[in-house]
């Protein structure tokens, strides 16, 4: 396709036109990853014009429409009712006033406010009450917590232990956990302080579920006030709540398989297309989300281009981009609650998140897979040519933190492929398109492609190892 542009046409139209032209180019018999295609799509999605693709916003919808246009151009079929974009209705409870934490100490009342002494990004209800119980910053300590207690972890949690420790307490039976604010909270304090605290989001079609335990991150300068407070002291966290209805969306395209039997089985490649939107008051106040997760979305778009460029795979392939991951895996939970295809027919889902920068823990060699020890999928892919490493993070903390977990919790074999799990510009305005390593991105995707080609053409079904199926775990 030849794009003829007048000089006064905006940069936005130039990017769209250039992007669509990439999808009409012929591809050699051997599938070769297109580095410029990856860069073009990241550049569009992470451009300031999309204002950071805020969850459940018009900017997220603009990203969805862009992706749907590419799916249509590639000849995919929509999974929704004659549309690639599938809406997900949600109800969000927000605190109209900043929640306060109150307790008595030595005859005096301690009062902390969200955004001042503490951060309470999400609570489970408008009022939480419980007895104070101290705990150590250890993964095993979470299992010993009395039901409904307010846990206090007063000592700083080492940065390398923050994710496994917090993940364990997220899944405990506590009512809330008070922590000495970790580096992640402190680095984003101003940004989080300006956001209203929220209640769990209700998703259409999703049954009531056990929401993760809320974290109360307290400034190191304030948490010392709890040193002399005895265990058993009653703690109350509360505020006034208002409700609002919103809509996010998923984009789902299907390449139907060529085999009369295997076409009824689906391999899914997914990513989340949203990010944080406008996220601060500085001159550069847009969290562009280039690596998180325009890179993963661009990876899915490139896989769609590759698999539609040659012989049709034997199995059907589903390409999905989720909305509102940043609000708590909302789009993927909506997909799992009202699946456009039966979950039982999804043989495997591979999520792609933060694929644009190398992971230093594995020497920057390429992609790795979260929770790779939970199923045989990673090993099967490696046996058939994919270059993957084991999950380099002790305790597999990221397995539950990407959209793959929404399907894994339903029993689908679902993992995430990633590059750098942590990088300096994470959730900051500096996560911009020009900072990604597109050569690494293309090389890494090429290195896993043989196993993905095998997966969409085989009758082998990956499975969880005994005792590792998330659907059978608390």
Foldseek 3Di string as FASTA:
>chain_A
DDDDDDPPDDPLVVLLVVLLVVLPDAADQPQAFDLVNLLSLLQNLLPCVLQQQAFQDVSVVVNLVSLQVLLVSLPFAALDDRGQKDKWKKKWKFFPAWKWKWFDDPNDIDIDTDLPFKHFQEAADQKAKAWEDEFEQDLVRLAVDDAAHEYEHEDADPPLSVLSSLLSNQPHRYRAYEYAAYPVCVVQSNLRSPDTRIHDMDIPLDDDDDGTHIYIHGHNVPSVVCVRPDTRTMMMIHGHMDMDMGMGIKGKTKQAADAPPQSLAEEEEEEASGGRGQGDDDPLRGQSCSLFPSSQLSLLSSVSSRCSNHDHARYMYMYMYFGDLVVPLRRLLNCLSPPSRDLVRYLEYEYEGRQFFAAVLVPSPAKEKQPCQFWCLVVLLVVQQADYDYPSRPPSSCQCSGNQVSSLLVQHHYIYIHGHPDDDQVSHSVSGSVPTDSVRSSVRSVRSVRSVSCVRHDPDGMHTDPPRRNNPPD
